[in-house]
């Protein structure tokens, strides 16, 4: 039986299978983007895909703290769109 990788949501602290989470990555040159493949190099933080977008906007400072960088507006909008669409 294959082991399912688990990760913790940065905002809710729930431990979930990696496939149920959205990964945000900060690279060494301080670029921040949504990693849909889940394999990009860099510091990653995870969010539940079924998270309420209003909760995300309220607690985005926790994500910024985890990535150790202020999130660009472009990334905030992209994450909000993904959460609203439920991708």
PDB file of N, CA and C in Angstrom:
ATOM      1  N   UNK A   1       0.836  -1.181   0.000  1.00  0.00           N
ATOM      2  CA  UNK A   1       0.000   0.000   0.000  1.00  0.00           C
ATOM      3  C   UNK A   1       0.884   1.249   0.000  1.00  0.00           C
ATOM      4  N   UNK A   2       0.605   2.161  -0.937  1.00  0.00           N
ATOM      5  CA  UNK A   2       1.408   3.362  -1.071  1.00  0.00           C
ATOM      6  C   UNK A   2       1.002   4.400  -0.025  1.00  0.00           C
ATOM      7  N   UNK A   3       1.995   5.038   0.568  1.00  0.00           N
ATOM      8  CA  UNK A   3       1.752   6.048   1.591  1.00  0.00           C
ATOM      9  C   UNK A   3       1.301   7.360   0.941  1.00  0.00           C
ATOM     10  N   UNK A   4       0.232   7.962   1.466  1.00  0.00           N
ATOM     11  CA  UNK A   4      -0.294   9.217   0.930  1.00  0.00           C
ATOM     12  C   UNK A   4       0.414  10.377   1.625  1.00  0.00           C
ATOM     13  N   UNK A   5       1.060  11.282   0.847  1.00  0.00           N
ATOM     14  CA  UNK A   5       1.738  12.416   1.480  1.00  0.00           C
ATOM     15  C   UNK A   5       0.730  13.386   2.096  1.00  0.00           C
ATOM     16  N   UNK A   6       0.978  13.761   3.342  1.00  0.00           N
ATOM     17  CA  UNK A   6       0.112  14.694   4.059  1.00  0.00           C
ATOM     18  C   UNK A   6       0.831  16.019   4.256  1.00  0.00           C
ATOM     19  N   UNK A   7       0.082  17.102   4.201  1.00  0.00           N
ATOM     20  CA  UNK A   7       0.621  18.441   4.443  1.00  0.00           C
ATOM     21  C   UNK A   7      -0.366  19.206   5.318  1.00  0.00           C
ATOM     22  N   UNK A   8       0.117  20.248   5.980  1.00  0.00           N
ATOM     23  CA  UNK A   8      -0.716  21.055   6.868  1.00  0.00           C
ATOM     24  C   UNK A   8      -1.086  22.368   6.184  1.00  0.00           C
ATOM     25  N   UNK A   9      -2.376  22.700   6.218  1.00  0.00           N
ATOM     26  CA  UNK A   9      -2.844  23.980   5.690  1.00  0.00           C
ATOM     27  C   UNK A   9      -2.310  25.093   6.586  1.00  0.00           C
ATOM     28  N   UNK A  10      -1.711  26.102   5.989  1.00  0.00           N
ATOM     29  CA  UNK A  10      -1.118  27.206   6.736  1.00  0.00           C
ATOM     30  C   UNK A  10      -2.162  28.012   7.497  1.00  0.00           C
ATOM     31  N   UNK A  11      -3.357  28.137   6.954  1.00  0.00           N
ATOM     32  CA  UNK A  11      -4.373  28.993   7.573  1.00  0.00           C
ATOM     33  C   UNK A  11      -5.251  28.265   8.579  1.00  0.00           C
ATOM     34  N   UNK A  12      -5.564  26.994   8.332  1.00  0.00           N
ATOM     35  CA  UNK A  12      -6.484  26.276   9.220  1.00  0.00           C
ATOM     36  C   UNK A  12      -5.792  25.253  10.117  1.00  0.00           C
ATOM     37  N   UNK A  13      -4.540  24.944   9.848  1.00  0.00           N
ATOM     38  CA  UNK A  13      -3.766  23.935  10.582  1.00  0.00           C
ATOM     39  C   UNK A  13      -4.327  22.520  10.457  1.00  0.00           C
ATOM     40  N   UNK A  14      -5.171  22.265   9.470  1.00  0.00           N
ATOM     41  CA  UNK A  14      -5.678  20.916   9.228  1.00  0.00           C
ATOM     42  C   UNK A  14      -4.649  20.139   8.414  1.00  0.00           C
ATOM     43  N   UNK A  15      -4.443  18.880   8.773  1.00  0.00           N
ATOM     44  CA  UNK A  15      -3.551  18.005   8.019  1.00  0.00           C
ATOM     45  C   UNK A  15      -4.402  17.254   6.997  1.00  0.00           C
ATOM     46  N   UNK A  16      -4.036  17.427   5.719  1.00  0.00           N
ATOM     47  CA  UNK A  16      -4.808  16.853   4.617  1.00  0.00           C
ATOM     48  C   UNK A  16      -3.871  16.217   3.597  1.00  0.00           C
ATOM     49  N   UNK A  17      -4.401  15.329   2.745  1.00  0.00           N
ATOM     50  CA  UNK A  17      -3.581  14.809   1.642  1.00  0.00           C
ATOM     51  C   UNK A  17      -3.115  15.955   0.739  1.00  0.00           C
ATOM     52  N   UNK A  18      -1.905  15.839   0.254  1.00  0.00           N
ATOM     53  CA  UNK A  18      -1.291  16.890  -0.554  1.00  0.00           C
ATOM     54  C   UNK A  18      -2.152  17.281  -1.758  1.00  0.00           C
ATOM     55  N   UNK A  19      -2.895  16.326  -2.331  1.00  0.00           N
ATOM     56  CA  UNK A  19      -3.706  16.600  -3.519  1.00  0.00           C
ATOM     57  C   UNK A  19      -4.893  17.507  -3.217  1.00  0.00           C
ATOM     58  N   UNK A  20      -5.294  17.613  -1.956  1.00  0.00           N
ATOM     59  CA  UNK A  20      -6.427  18.460  -1.577  1.00  0.00           C
ATOM     60  C   UNK A  20      -5.993  19.876  -1.206  1.00  0.00           C
ATOM     61  N   UNK A  21      -4.709  20.169  -1.414  1.00  0.00           N
ATOM     62  CA  UNK A  21      -4.162  21.469  -1.027  1.00  0.00           C
ATOM     63  C   UNK A  21      -3.589  22.210  -2.229  1.00  0.00           C
ATOM     64  N   UNK A  22      -3.546  23.507  -2.105  1.00  0.00           N
ATOM     65  CA  UNK A  22      -2.979  24.395  -3.114  1.00  0.00           C
ATOM     66  C   UNK A  22      -1.631  24.873  -2.586  1.00  0.00           C
ATOM     67  N   UNK A  23      -0.583  24.817  -3.406  1.00  0.00           N
ATOM     68  CA  UNK A  23       0.759  25.182  -2.954  1.00  0.00           C
ATOM     69  C   UNK A  23       1.161  26.546  -3.502  1.00  0.00           C
ATOM     70  N   UNK A  24       1.633  27.413  -2.605  1.00  0.00           N
ATOM     71  CA  UNK A  24       2.194  28.715  -2.966  1.00  0.00           C
ATOM     72  C   UNK A  24       3.695  28.614  -2.698  1.00  0.00           C
ATOM     73  N   UNK A  25       4.513  29.050  -3.648  1.00  0.00           N
ATOM     74  CA  UNK A  25       5.964  28.886  -3.552  1.00  0.00           C
ATOM     75  C   UNK A  25       6.678  30.224  -3.622  1.00  0.00           C
ATOM     76  N   UNK A  26       7.744  30.344  -2.809  1.00  0.00           N
ATOM     77  CA  UNK A  26       8.669  31.477  -2.904  1.00  0.00           C
ATOM     78  C   UNK A  26      10.028  30.908  -3.294  1.00  0.00           C
ATOM     79  N   UNK A  27      10.570  31.367  -4.423  1.00  0.00           N
ATOM     80  CA  UNK A  27      11.863  30.878  -4.889  1.00  0.00           C
ATOM     81  C   UNK A  27      12.990  31.654  -4.217  1.00  0.00           C
ATOM     82  N   UNK A  28      14.223  31.220  -4.478  1.00  0.00           N
ATOM     83  CA  UNK A  28      15.381  31.885  -3.881  1.00  0.00           C
ATOM     84  C   UNK A  28      15.508  33.343  -4.302  1.00  0.00           C
ATOM     85  N   UNK A  29      15.046  33.663  -5.525  1.00  0.00           N
ATOM     86  CA  UNK A  29      15.122  35.047  -5.988  1.00  0.00           C
ATOM     87  C   UNK A  29      13.835  35.816  -5.678  1.00  0.00           C
ATOM     88  N   UNK A  30      13.102  35.369  -4.646  1.00  0.00           N
ATOM     89  CA  UNK A  30      11.918  36.048  -4.095  1.00  0.00           C
ATOM     90  C   UNK A  30      10.749  36.179  -5.067  1.00  0.00           C
ATOM     91  N   UNK A  31      10.639  35.281  -6.024  1.00  0.00           N
ATOM     92  CA  UNK A  31       9.443  35.233  -6.866  1.00  0.00           C
ATOM     93  C   UNK A  31       8.409  34.381  -6.141  1.00  0.00           C
ATOM     94  N   UNK A  32       7.168  34.839  -6.130  1.00  0.00           N
ATOM     95  CA  UNK A  32       6.088  34.100  -5.480  1.00  0.00           C
ATOM     96  C   UNK A  32       5.054  33.742  -6.538  1.00  0.00           C
ATOM     97  N   UNK A  33       4.617  32.474  -6.549  1.00  0.00           N
ATOM     98  CA  UNK A  33       3.616  32.046  -7.521  1.00  0.00           C
ATOM     99  C   UNK A  33       2.865  30.829  -6.994  1.00  0.00           C
ATOM    100  N   UNK A  34       1.724  30.552  -7.620  1.00  0.00           N
ATOM    101  CA  UNK A  34       0.930  29.368  -7.295  1.00  0.00           C
ATOM    102  C   UNK A  34       1.526  28.198  -8.059  1.00  0.00           C
ATOM    103  N   UNK A  35       1.867  27.136  -7.342  1.00  0.00           N
ATOM    104  CA  UNK A  35       2.479  25.953  -7.938  1.00  0.00           C
ATOM    105  C   UNK A  35       1.409  24.880  -8.123  1.00  0.00           C
ATOM    106  N   UNK A  36       0.837  24.808  -9.306  1.00  0.00           N
ATOM    107  CA  UNK A  36      -0.218  23.831  -9.575  1.00  0.00           C
ATOM    108  C   UNK A  36       0.327  22.408  -9.696  1.00  0.00           C
ATOM    109  N   UNK A  37       1.612  22.266 -10.048  1.00  0.00           N
ATOM    110  CA  UNK A  37       2.203  20.933 -10.174  1.00  0.00           C
ATOM    111  C   UNK A  37       2.608  20.366  -8.816  1.00  0.00           C
ATOM    112  N   UNK A  38       2.894  21.244  -7.852  1.00  0.00           N
ATOM    113  CA  UNK A  38       3.314  20.797  -6.526  1.00  0.00           C
ATOM    114  C   UNK A  38       4.760  20.361  -6.455  1.00  0.00           C
ATOM    115  N   UNK A  39       5.547  20.683  -7.487  1.00  0.00           N
ATOM    116  CA  UNK A  39       6.931  20.211  -7.546  1.00  0.00           C
ATOM    117  C   UNK A  39       7.975  21.315  -7.719  1.00  0.00           C
ATOM    118  N   UNK A  40       7.566  22.556  -7.737  1.00  0.00           N
ATOM    119  CA  UNK A  40       8.516  23.648  -7.962  1.00  0.00           C
ATOM    120  C   UNK A  40       9.481  23.773  -6.785  1.00  0.00           C
ATOM    121  N   UNK A  41      10.708  24.165  -7.095  1.00  0.00           N
ATOM    122  CA  UNK A  41      11.707  24.376  -6.051  1.00  0.00           C
ATOM    123  C   UNK A  41      11.403  25.646  -5.279  1.00  0.00           C
ATOM    124  N   UNK A  42      11.694  25.635  -4.000  1.00  0.00           N
ATOM    125  CA  UNK A  42      11.513  26.819  -3.176  1.00  0.00           C
ATOM    126  C   UNK A  42      10.726  26.513  -1.916  1.00  0.00           C
ATOM    127  N   UNK A  43      10.530  27.547  -1.121  1.00  0.00           N
ATOM    128  CA  UNK A  43       9.783  27.430   0.127  1.00  0.00           C
ATOM    129  C   UNK A  43       8.293  27.397  -0.195  1.00  0.00           C
ATOM    130  N   UNK A  44       7.603  26.378   0.270  1.00  0.00           N
ATOM    131  CA  UNK A  44       6.191  26.224  -0.050  1.00  0.00           C
ATOM    132  C   UNK A  44       5.293  26.354   1.161  1.00  0.00           C
ATOM    133  N   UNK A  45       4.092  26.837   0.915  1.00  0.00           N
ATOM    134  CA  UNK A  45       3.043  26.888   1.930  1.00  0.00           C
ATOM    135  C   UNK A  45       1.776  26.348   1.283  1.00  0.00           C
ATOM    136  N   UNK A  46       0.964  25.670   2.067  1.00  0.00           N
ATOM    137  CA  UNK A  46      -0.211  24.990   1.532  1.00  0.00           C
ATOM    138  C   UNK A  46      -1.500  25.599   2.056  1.00  0.00           C
ATOM    139  N   UNK A  47      -2.526  25.610   1.186  1.00  0.00           N
ATOM    140  CA  UNK A  47      -3.868  26.089   1.529  1.00  0.00           C
ATOM    141  C   UNK A  47      -4.883  25.049   1.090  1.00  0.00           C
ATOM    142  N   UNK A  48      -5.955  24.910   1.860  1.00  0.00           N
ATOM    143  CA  UNK A  48      -7.054  24.038   1.453  1.00  0.00           C
ATOM    144  C   UNK A  48      -7.670  24.583   0.180  1.00  0.00           C
ATOM    145  N   UNK A  49      -7.960  23.705  -0.778  1.00  0.00           N
ATOM    146  CA  UNK A  49      -8.585  24.150  -2.025  1.00  0.00           C
ATOM    147  C   UNK A  49     -10.030  24.571  -1.813  1.00  0.00           C
ATOM    148  N   UNK A  50     -10.684  24.025  -0.783  1.00  0.00           N
ATOM    149  CA  UNK A  50     -12.085  24.367  -0.523  1.00  0.00           C
ATOM    150  C   UNK A  50     -12.238  25.432   0.566  1.00  0.00           C
ATOM    151  N   UNK A  51     -11.192  26.215   0.772  1.00  0.00           N
ATOM    152  CA  UNK A  51     -11.194  27.276   1.781  1.00  0.00           C
ATOM    153  C   UNK A  51     -12.095  28.429   1.346  1.00  0.00           C
ATOM    154  N   UNK A  52     -12.750  29.056   2.299  1.00  0.00           N
ATOM    155  CA  UNK A  52     -13.591  30.219   2.023  1.00  0.00           C
ATOM    156  C   UNK A  52     -12.683  31.398   1.643  1.00  0.00           C
ATOM    157  N   UNK A  53     -12.891  32.030   0.478  1.00  0.00           N
ATOM    158  CA  UNK A  53     -12.032  33.144   0.056  1.00  0.00           C
ATOM    159  C   UNK A  53     -11.975  34.288   1.070  1.00  0.00           C
ATOM    160  N   UNK A  54     -13.061  34.535   1.798  1.00  0.00           N
ATOM    161  CA  UNK A  54     -13.039  35.621   2.787  1.00  0.00           C
ATOM    162  C   UNK A  54     -12.109  35.270   3.951  1.00  0.00           C
ATOM    163  N   UNK A  55     -12.046  33.981   4.327  1.00  0.00           N
ATOM    164  CA  UNK A  55     -11.115  33.551   5.372  1.00  0.00           C
ATOM    165  C   UNK A  55      -9.679  33.726   4.892  1.00  0.00           C
ATOM    166  N   UNK A  56      -9.442  33.416   3.612  1.00  0.00           N
ATOM    167  CA  UNK A  56      -8.102  33.595   3.049  1.00  0.00           C
ATOM    168  C   UNK A  56      -7.667  35.049   3.150  1.00  0.00           C
ATOM    169  N   UNK A  57      -8.546  35.975   2.767  1.00  0.00           N
ATOM    170  CA  UNK A  57      -8.184  37.389   2.807  1.00  0.00           C
ATOM    171  C   UNK A  57      -7.983  37.875   4.236  1.00  0.00           C
ATOM    172  N   UNK A  58      -8.724  37.303   5.169  1.00  0.00           N
ATOM    173  CA  UNK A  58      -8.608  37.698   6.571  1.00  0.00           C
ATOM    174  C   UNK A  58      -7.302  37.195   7.196  1.00  0.00           C
ATOM    175  N   UNK A  59      -6.853  36.004   6.767  1.00  0.00           N
ATOM    176  CA  UNK A  59      -5.689  35.378   7.392  1.00  0.00           C
ATOM    177  C   UNK A  59      -4.464  35.311   6.476  1.00  0.00           C
ATOM    178  N   UNK A  60      -4.430  36.120   5.429  1.00  0.00           N
ATOM    179  CA  UNK A  60      -3.309  36.053   4.483  1.00  0.00           C
ATOM    180  C   UNK A  60      -1.976  36.375   5.151  1.00  0.00           C
ATOM    181  N   UNK A  61      -2.004  37.098   6.284  1.00  0.00           N
ATOM    182  CA  UNK A  61      -0.764  37.417   6.986  1.00  0.00           C
ATOM    183  C   UNK A  61      -0.057  36.147   7.475  1.00  0.00           C
ATOM    184  N   UNK A  62      -0.811  35.083   7.760  1.00  0.00           N
ATOM    185  CA  UNK A  62      -0.192  33.818   8.163  1.00  0.00           C
ATOM    186  C   UNK A  62       0.582  33.197   7.004  1.00  0.00           C
ATOM    187  N   UNK A  63       0.047  33.334   5.809  1.00  0.00           N
ATOM    188  CA  UNK A  63       0.728  32.836   4.617  1.00  0.00           C
ATOM    189  C   UNK A  63       1.997  33.648   4.357  1.00  0.00           C
ATOM    190  N   UNK A  64       1.905  34.955   4.518  1.00  0.00           N
ATOM    191  CA  UNK A  64       3.076  35.816   4.343  1.00  0.00           C
ATOM    192  C   UNK A  64       4.150  35.474   5.370  1.00  0.00           C
ATOM    193  N   UNK A  65       3.740  35.169   6.580  1.00  0.00           N
ATOM    194  CA  UNK A  65       4.691  34.797   7.632  1.00  0.00           C
ATOM    195  C   UNK A  65       5.370  33.468   7.299  1.00  0.00           C
ATOM    196  N   UNK A  66       4.600  32.507   6.788  1.00  0.00           N
ATOM    197  CA  UNK A  66       5.157  31.200   6.441  1.00  0.00           C
ATOM    198  C   UNK A  66       6.162  31.298   5.293  1.00  0.00           C
ATOM    199  N   UNK A  67       5.875  32.166   4.318  1.00  0.00           N
ATOM    200  CA  UNK A  67       6.768  32.322   3.168  1.00  0.00           C
ATOM    201  C   UNK A  67       7.866  33.351   3.414  1.00  0.00           C
ATOM    202  N   UNK A  68       7.738  34.102   4.506  1.00  0.00           N
ATOM    203  CA  UNK A  68       8.715  35.133   4.881  1.00  0.00           C
ATOM    204  C   UNK A  68       8.840  36.211   3.809  1.00  0.00           C
ATOM    205  N   UNK A  69       7.694  36.617   3.242  1.00  0.00           N
ATOM    206  CA  UNK A  69       7.676  37.666   2.223  1.00  0.00           C
ATOM    207  C   UNK A  69       6.260  38.224   2.119  1.00  0.00           C
ATOM    208  N   UNK A  70       6.144  39.478   1.698  1.00  0.00           N
ATOM    209  CA  UNK A  70       4.827  40.070   1.453  1.00  0.00           C
ATOM    210  C   UNK A  70       4.323  39.544   0.114  1.00  0.00           C
ATOM    211  N   UNK A  71       3.084  39.074   0.095  1.00  0.00           N
ATOM    212  CA  UNK A  71       2.524  38.496  -1.128  1.00  0.00           C
ATOM    213  C   UNK A  71       2.166  39.583  -2.134  1.00  0.00           C
ATOM    214  N   UNK A  72       2.586  39.424  -3.395  1.00  0.00           N
ATOM    215  CA  UNK A  72       2.200  40.379  -4.436  1.00  0.00           C
ATOM    216  C   UNK A  72       0.692  40.318  -4.700  1.00  0.00           C
ATOM    217  N   UNK A  73       0.129  41.431  -5.116  1.00  0.00           N
ATOM    218  CA  UNK A  73      -1.308  41.522  -5.395  1.00  0.00           C
ATOM    219  C   UNK A  73      -1.732  40.500  -6.451  1.00  0.00           C
ATOM    220  N   UNK A  74      -0.865  40.270  -7.441  1.00  0.00           N
ATOM    221  CA  UNK A  74      -1.164  39.316  -8.516  1.00  0.00           C
ATOM    222  C   UNK A  74      -1.405  37.912  -7.950  1.00  0.00           C
ATOM    223  N   UNK A  75      -0.573  37.501  -7.008  1.00  0.00           N
ATOM    224  CA  UNK A  75      -0.706  36.176  -6.401  1.00  0.00           C
ATOM    225  C   UNK A  75      -1.966  36.106  -5.542  1.00  0.00           C
ATOM    226  N   UNK A  76      -2.253  37.166  -4.801  1.00  0.00           N
ATOM    227  CA  UNK A  76      -3.468  37.202  -3.978  1.00  0.00           C
ATOM    228  C   UNK A  76      -4.714  37.027  -4.839  1.00  0.00           C
ATOM    229  N   UNK A  77      -4.757  37.735  -5.963  1.00  0.00           N
ATOM    230  CA  UNK A  77      -5.905  37.634  -6.865  1.00  0.00           C
ATOM    231  C   UNK A  77      -6.013  36.239  -7.483  1.00  0.00           C
ATOM    232  N   UNK A  78      -4.865  35.664  -7.852  1.00  0.00           N
ATOM    233  CA  UNK A  78      -4.863  34.329  -8.456  1.00  0.00           C
ATOM    234  C   UNK A  78      -5.363  33.278  -7.463  1.00  0.00           C
ATOM    235  N   UNK A  79      -4.892  33.353  -6.228  1.00  0.00           N
ATOM    236  CA  UNK A  79      -5.331  32.406  -5.198  1.00  0.00           C
ATOM    237  C   UNK A  79      -6.818  32.582  -4.925  1.00  0.00           C
ATOM    238  N   UNK A  80      -7.260  33.821  -4.835  1.00  0.00           N
ATOM    239  CA  UNK A  80      -8.677  34.096  -4.583  1.00  0.00           C
ATOM    240  C   UNK A  80      -9.551  33.521  -5.711  1.00  0.00           C
ATOM    241  N   UNK A  81      -9.111  33.683  -6.961  1.00  0.00           N
ATOM    242  CA  UNK A  81      -9.853  33.130  -8.105  1.00  0.00           C
ATOM    243  C   UNK A  81      -9.917  31.600  -8.044  1.00  0.00           C
ATOM    244  N   UNK A  82      -8.798  30.974  -7.691  1.00  0.00           N
ATOM    245  CA  UNK A  82      -8.759  29.512  -7.593  1.00  0.00           C
ATOM    246  C   UNK A  82      -9.694  29.030  -6.486  1.00  0.00           C
ATOM    247  N   UNK A  83      -9.677  29.710  -5.347  1.00  0.00           N
ATOM    248  CA  UNK A  83     -10.549  29.313  -4.238  1.00  0.00           C
ATOM    249  C   UNK A  83     -12.024  29.494  -4.592  1.00  0.00           C
ATOM    250  N   UNK A  84     -12.338  30.569  -5.320  1.00  0.00           N
ATOM    251  CA  UNK A  84     -13.733  30.809  -5.715  1.00  0.00           C
ATOM    252  C   UNK A  84     -14.216  29.772  -6.719  1.00  0.00           C
ATOM    253  N   UNK A  85     -13.335  29.399  -7.655  1.00  0.00           N
ATOM    254  CA  UNK A  85     -13.737  28.448  -8.694  1.00  0.00           C
ATOM    255  C   UNK A  85     -13.696  27.002  -8.201  1.00  0.00           C
ATOM    256  N   UNK A  86     -12.957  26.760  -7.115  1.00  0.00           N
ATOM    257  CA  UNK A  86     -12.878  25.410  -6.565  1.00  0.00           C
ATOM    258  C   UNK A  86     -12.007  24.471  -7.365  1.00  0.00           C
ATOM    259  N   UNK A  87     -11.029  24.991  -8.114  1.00  0.00           N
ATOM    260  CA  UNK A  87     -10.136  24.149  -8.927  1.00  0.00           C
ATOM    261  C   UNK A  87      -9.274  23.278  -8.070  1.00  0.00           C
TER     262      UNK A  87
END
